[in-house]
């Protein structure tokens, strides 16, 4: 990869990845803020560090569709799911109209978005994959990946949904407790 390829920019220090995110947001008229944050060991710790409820942290999950033989377009989608909830695979499959969906391996997620897992955000992704947002984020100011480790991006969910033409639906279930 060349040094001008956005996917080759290191995700550790922000830098080029933040410029990519900011440029993509500006191109869509989307107001965002990016804030450095310390490492957190849990959703609840991260929420406390950011001063928001756990449901205010939204995971951007890259989901791979079953191969259709139509090339790369349509292979992936983004699912936006709030903290404390997980994808409901039956709900998402029904909404998308497919029988098979799965989380891709980390290297495939990186190739599909230009971002490492844990930093993924639809804003500035190398491909504008379709976005499916859980209905519970509507009307919220949310925190999500910022394209680089150690940072969070804040955006109004309604503005993000409108800017990307996201599909809003009930696509999640409460996470099972892990003790």
Foldseek 3Di string as FASTA:
>chain_A
DDPPPLLPDAQAPCPSLLVLLVVLCVVLVFDKDKDFFDDDDDLCRVCVRVVHHQQQEWEWAKKAAPDPVPPDAPGIETEIGGGQKDFPVVVVCVVVVGDDMDGDDQVVVCVQFSAGHVQDDCRSGPDNHAYEYEQVLQPHFHWYHSRHPRMIMTGRPVSVCVSSVHHYYHGIDGDDDDD
